[in-house]
């Protein structure tokens, strides 16, 4: 009798251990998924920070070019290419986020991301075209007018 009860208790403990192991595997998979989601979200954020920084570099380039203190076209093209590459990276990350199910089940977030990237691509294209037409200001122009033209380009 005692042996039979002991066998049942050991069987129960073994079943508990197996269930805990299964639970641990599921918890580990979810933790790994959350880490990947966090990394992708961080990379997307970093991409937008990079776009902002490159825009500031372009603003500095426009200032240099407008006042005749440098601002060579090759630097402008390099910055615009950097922005386009960042946008391509963001599109890849957005697709990866969608594939991992980071957005809602209905896909509204993915649609919003794609629309935002489309608008940004268009804005970068327009910015590139506008920067291609920037001319150096004459030396006798008032500072306020120079600042206004710089703000208009940006």
C-alpha atoms as a PDB file:
ATOM      1  CA  UNK A   1       0.000   0.000   0.000  1.00  0.00           C
ATOM      2  CA  UNK A   2       2.738   2.418   0.993  1.00  0.00           C
ATOM      3  CA  UNK A   3       4.677   1.537  -2.135  1.00  0.00           C
ATOM      4  CA  UNK A   4       1.649   2.239  -4.326  1.00  0.00           C
ATOM      5  CA  UNK A   5       1.069   5.646  -2.678  1.00  0.00           C
ATOM      6  CA  UNK A   6       4.742   6.519  -3.024  1.00  0.00           C
ATOM      7  CA  UNK A   7       4.628   5.589  -6.710  1.00  0.00           C
ATOM      8  CA  UNK A   8       1.618   7.862  -7.247  1.00  0.00           C
ATOM      9  CA  UNK A   9       3.329  10.766  -5.470  1.00  0.00           C
ATOM     10  CA  UNK A  10       6.501  10.306  -7.517  1.00  0.00           C
ATOM     11  CA  UNK A  11       4.450  10.108 -10.700  1.00  0.00           C
ATOM     12  CA  UNK A  12       2.648  13.306  -9.710  1.00  0.00           C
ATOM     13  CA  UNK A  13       5.965  15.068  -9.001  1.00  0.00           C
ATOM     14  CA  UNK A  14       7.378  13.894 -12.336  1.00  0.00           C
ATOM     15  CA  UNK A  15       4.293  15.252 -14.124  1.00  0.00           C
ATOM     16  CA  UNK A  16       4.729  18.594 -12.322  1.00  0.00           C
ATOM     17  CA  UNK A  17       8.377  18.749 -13.395  1.00  0.00           C
ATOM     18  CA  UNK A  18       7.461  18.019 -17.019  1.00  0.00           C
ATOM     19  CA  UNK A  19       4.763  20.704 -16.944  1.00  0.00           C
ATOM     20  CA  UNK A  20       7.223  23.203 -15.465  1.00  0.00           C
ATOM     21  CA  UNK A  21       9.711  22.347 -18.206  1.00  0.00           C
ATOM     22  CA  UNK A  22       7.089  22.894 -20.890  1.00  0.00           C
ATOM     23  CA  UNK A  23       6.099  26.187 -19.275  1.00  0.00           C
ATOM     24  CA  UNK A  24       9.752  27.245 -19.139  1.00  0.00           C
ATOM     25  CA  UNK A  25      10.181  26.511 -22.846  1.00  0.00           C
ATOM     26  CA  UNK A  26       7.164  28.649 -23.726  1.00  0.00           C
ATOM     27  CA  UNK A  27       8.348  31.444 -21.422  1.00  0.00           C
ATOM     28  CA  UNK A  28      11.820  31.333 -22.988  1.00  0.00           C
ATOM     29  CA  UNK A  29      10.389  31.530 -26.504  1.00  0.00           C
ATOM     30  CA  UNK A  30       8.205  34.495 -25.557  1.00  0.00           C
ATOM     31  CA  UNK A  31      11.145  36.253 -23.873  1.00  0.00           C
ATOM     32  CA  UNK A  32      13.243  35.739 -27.000  1.00  0.00           C
ATOM     33  CA  UNK A  33      10.428  37.082 -29.164  1.00  0.00           C
ATOM     34  CA  UNK A  34      10.128  40.160 -26.966  1.00  0.00           C
ATOM     35  CA  UNK A  35      13.883  40.786 -27.156  1.00  0.00           C
ATOM     36  CA  UNK A  36      13.755  40.619 -30.955  1.00  0.00           C
ATOM     37  CA  UNK A  37      10.742  42.966 -30.995  1.00  0.00           C
ATOM     38  CA  UNK A  38      12.580  45.391 -28.722  1.00  0.00           C
ATOM     39  CA  UNK A  39      15.667  45.288 -30.920  1.00  0.00           C
ATOM     40  CA  UNK A  40      13.639  45.977 -34.061  1.00  0.00           C
ATOM     41  CA  UNK A  41      11.750  48.812 -32.386  1.00  0.00           C
ATOM     42  CA  UNK A  42      15.046  50.280 -31.221  1.00  0.00           C
ATOM     43  CA  UNK A  43      16.507  49.987 -34.723  1.00  0.00           C
ATOM     44  CA  UNK A  44      13.457  51.756 -36.184  1.00  0.00           C
ATOM     45  CA  UNK A  45      13.833  54.550 -33.634  1.00  0.00           C
ATOM     46  CA  UNK A  46      17.559  54.800 -34.402  1.00  0.00           C
ATOM     47  CA  UNK A  47      16.725  55.107 -38.105  1.00  0.00           C
ATOM     48  CA  UNK A  48      14.474  58.086 -37.464  1.00  0.00           C
ATOM     49  CA  UNK A  49      17.149  59.677 -35.263  1.00  0.00           C
ATOM     50  CA  UNK A  50      19.638  59.135 -38.101  1.00  0.00           C
ATOM     51  CA  UNK A  51      17.261  60.827 -40.558  1.00  0.00           C
ATOM     52  CA  UNK A  52      16.956  63.804 -38.244  1.00  0.00           C
ATOM     53  CA  UNK A  53      20.728  64.058 -37.825  1.00  0.00           C
ATOM     54  CA  UNK A  54      21.289  63.868 -41.580  1.00  0.00           C
ATOM     55  CA  UNK A  55      18.675  66.587 -42.110  1.00  0.00           C
ATOM     56  CA  UNK A  56      20.606  68.804 -39.698  1.00  0.00           C
ATOM     57  CA  UNK A  57      23.808  68.105 -41.649  1.00  0.00           C
ATOM     58  CA  UNK A  58      21.972  69.095 -44.830  1.00  0.00           C
ATOM     59  CA  UNK A  59      20.824  72.298 -43.149  1.00  0.00           C
ATOM     60  CA  UNK A  60      24.451  73.056 -42.264  1.00  0.00           C
ATOM     61  CA  UNK A  61      25.429  72.278 -45.872  1.00  0.00           C
ATOM     62  CA  UNK A  62      22.786  74.729 -47.151  1.00  0.00           C
ATOM     63  CA  UNK A  63      24.086  77.403 -44.771  1.00  0.00           C
ATOM     64  CA  UNK A  64      27.662  76.896 -45.965  1.00  0.00           C
ATOM     65  CA  UNK A  65      26.608  76.875 -49.586  1.00  0.00           C
ATOM     66  CA  UNK A  66      24.396  79.955 -49.257  1.00  0.00           C
ATOM     67  CA  UNK A  67      27.087  82.066 -47.626  1.00  0.00           C
ATOM     68  CA  UNK A  68      29.789  80.785 -49.983  1.00  0.00           C
ATOM     69  CA  UNK A  69      31.790  79.004 -47.286  1.00  0.00           C
ATOM     70  CA  UNK A  70      31.939  75.570 -48.864  1.00  0.00           C
ATOM     71  CA  UNK A  71      29.023  73.235 -49.308  1.00  0.00           C
ATOM     72  CA  UNK A  72      30.259  71.210 -52.255  1.00  0.00           C
ATOM     73  CA  UNK A  73      27.601  69.319 -54.227  1.00  0.00           C
ATOM     74  CA  UNK A  74      29.300  65.969 -53.550  1.00  0.00           C
ATOM     75  CA  UNK A  75      28.670  66.402 -49.812  1.00  0.00           C
ATOM     76  CA  UNK A  76      25.007  67.180 -50.509  1.00  0.00           C
ATOM     77  CA  UNK A  77      24.646  64.080 -52.655  1.00  0.00           C
ATOM     78  CA  UNK A  78      26.326  61.928 -50.012  1.00  0.00           C
ATOM     79  CA  UNK A  79      23.916  63.197 -47.358  1.00  0.00           C
ATOM     80  CA  UNK A  80      20.885  62.646 -49.607  1.00  0.00           C
ATOM     81  CA  UNK A  81      22.103  59.134 -50.445  1.00  0.00           C
ATOM     82  CA  UNK A  82      22.539  58.492 -46.706  1.00  0.00           C
ATOM     83  CA  UNK A  83      18.925  59.554 -46.129  1.00  0.00           C
ATOM     84  CA  UNK A  84      17.689  57.293 -48.929  1.00  0.00           C
ATOM     85  CA  UNK A  85      19.678  54.351 -47.537  1.00  0.00           C
ATOM     86  CA  UNK A  86      18.257  54.988 -44.065  1.00  0.00           C
ATOM     87  CA  UNK A  87      14.748  54.999 -45.534  1.00  0.00           C
ATOM     88  CA  UNK A  88      15.457  51.700 -47.300  1.00  0.00           C
ATOM     89  CA  UNK A  89      16.694  50.238 -44.002  1.00  0.00           C
ATOM     90  CA  UNK A  90      13.552  51.496 -42.258  1.00  0.00           C
ATOM     91  CA  UNK A  91      11.372  49.851 -44.918  1.00  0.00           C
ATOM     92  CA  UNK A  92      13.169  46.553 -44.322  1.00  0.00           C
ATOM     93  CA  UNK A  93      12.750  46.904 -40.563  1.00  0.00           C
ATOM     94  CA  UNK A  94       9.057  47.749 -40.968  1.00  0.00           C
ATOM     95  CA  UNK A  95       8.569  44.618 -43.057  1.00  0.00           C
ATOM     96  CA  UNK A  96      10.441  42.545 -40.464  1.00  0.00           C
ATOM     97  CA  UNK A  97       8.264  44.012 -37.719  1.00  0.00           C
ATOM     98  CA  UNK A  98       5.171  43.065 -39.687  1.00  0.00           C
ATOM     99  CA  UNK A  99       6.460  39.540 -40.285  1.00  0.00           C
ATOM    100  CA  UNK A 100       7.050  39.097 -36.542  1.00  0.00           C
ATOM    101  CA  UNK A 101       3.547  40.269 -35.773  1.00  0.00           C
ATOM    102  CA  UNK A 102       4.675  43.438 -33.998  1.00  0.00           C
ATOM    103  CA  UNK A 103       1.738  45.388 -35.339  1.00  0.00           C
ATOM    104  CA  UNK A 104      -1.890  44.743 -34.597  1.00  0.00           C
ATOM    105  CA  UNK A 105      -3.641  41.765 -36.073  1.00  0.00           C
ATOM    106  CA  UNK A 106      -5.463  43.989 -38.532  1.00  0.00           C
ATOM    107  CA  UNK A 107      -2.231  45.501 -39.910  1.00  0.00           C
ATOM    108  CA  UNK A 108      -3.137  49.145 -39.299  1.00  0.00           C
ATOM    109  CA  UNK A 109       0.305  49.883 -37.850  1.00  0.00           C
ATOM    110  CA  UNK A 110       2.022  48.365 -40.876  1.00  0.00           C
ATOM    111  CA  UNK A 111      -0.098  50.468 -43.210  1.00  0.00           C
ATOM    112  CA  UNK A 112       0.736  53.580 -41.151  1.00  0.00           C
ATOM    113  CA  UNK A 113       4.459  52.737 -41.238  1.00  0.00           C
ATOM    114  CA  UNK A 114       4.416  52.216 -44.991  1.00  0.00           C
ATOM    115  CA  UNK A 115       2.517  55.470 -45.523  1.00  0.00           C
ATOM    116  CA  UNK A 116       4.979  57.375 -43.306  1.00  0.00           C
ATOM    117  CA  UNK A 117       7.912  55.911 -45.244  1.00  0.00           C
ATOM    118  CA  UNK A 118       6.255  56.816 -48.546  1.00  0.00           C
ATOM    119  CA  UNK A 119       5.790  60.414 -47.398  1.00  0.00           C
ATOM    120  CA  UNK A 120       9.384  60.564 -46.141  1.00  0.00           C
ATOM    121  CA  UNK A 121      10.725  59.199 -49.437  1.00  0.00           C
ATOM    122  CA  UNK A 122       8.750  61.833 -51.322  1.00  0.00           C
ATOM    123  CA  UNK A 123       9.994  64.567 -48.971  1.00  0.00           C
ATOM    124  CA  UNK A 124      13.617  63.471 -49.391  1.00  0.00           C
ATOM    125  CA  UNK A 125      13.184  63.462 -53.168  1.00  0.00           C
ATOM    126  CA  UNK A 126      11.670  66.961 -53.065  1.00  0.00           C
ATOM    127  CA  UNK A 127      14.396  68.141 -50.681  1.00  0.00           C
ATOM    128  CA  UNK A 128      17.064  66.832 -53.045  1.00  0.00           C
ATOM    129  CA  UNK A 129      15.505  68.641 -55.976  1.00  0.00           C
ATOM    130  CA  UNK A 130      15.218  71.851 -53.952  1.00  0.00           C
ATOM    131  CA  UNK A 131      18.801  71.632 -52.706  1.00  0.00           C
ATOM    132  CA  UNK A 132      19.973  71.201 -56.283  1.00  0.00           C
ATOM    133  CA  UNK A 133      18.639  74.678 -57.041  1.00  0.00           C
ATOM    134  CA  UNK A 134      20.241  76.441 -54.044  1.00  0.00           C
ATOM    135  CA  UNK A 135      22.441  79.341 -55.085  1.00  0.00           C
ATOM    136  CA  UNK A 136      25.008  81.302 -53.115  1.00  0.00           C
ATOM    137  CA  UNK A 137      23.631  84.572 -51.767  1.00  0.00           C
ATOM    138  CA  UNK A 138      25.228  87.886 -52.732  1.00  0.00           C
ATOM    139  CA  UNK A 139      27.475  89.400 -50.067  1.00  0.00           C
ATOM    140  CA  UNK A 140      25.325  92.526 -49.684  1.00  0.00           C
ATOM    141  CA  UNK A 141      22.069  90.735 -48.821  1.00  0.00           C
ATOM    142  CA  UNK A 142      20.563  91.505 -45.385  1.00  0.00           C
ATOM    143  CA  UNK A 143      21.075  88.764 -42.790  1.00  0.00           C
ATOM    144  CA  UNK A 144      17.332  88.414 -42.159  1.00  0.00           C
ATOM    145  CA  UNK A 145      16.628  87.744 -45.830  1.00  0.00           C
ATOM    146  CA  UNK A 146      19.403  85.159 -45.855  1.00  0.00           C
ATOM    147  CA  UNK A 147      17.894  83.446 -42.823  1.00  0.00           C
ATOM    148  CA  UNK A 148      14.436  83.485 -44.424  1.00  0.00           C
ATOM    149  CA  UNK A 149      15.699  81.817 -47.590  1.00  0.00           C
ATOM    150  CA  UNK A 150      17.522  79.192 -45.517  1.00  0.00           C
ATOM    151  CA  UNK A 151      14.338  78.458 -43.565  1.00  0.00           C
ATOM    152  CA  UNK A 152      12.343  78.242 -46.790  1.00  0.00           C
ATOM    153  CA  UNK A 153      14.712  75.615 -48.209  1.00  0.00           C
ATOM    154  CA  UNK A 154      14.618  73.559 -45.022  1.00  0.00           C
END
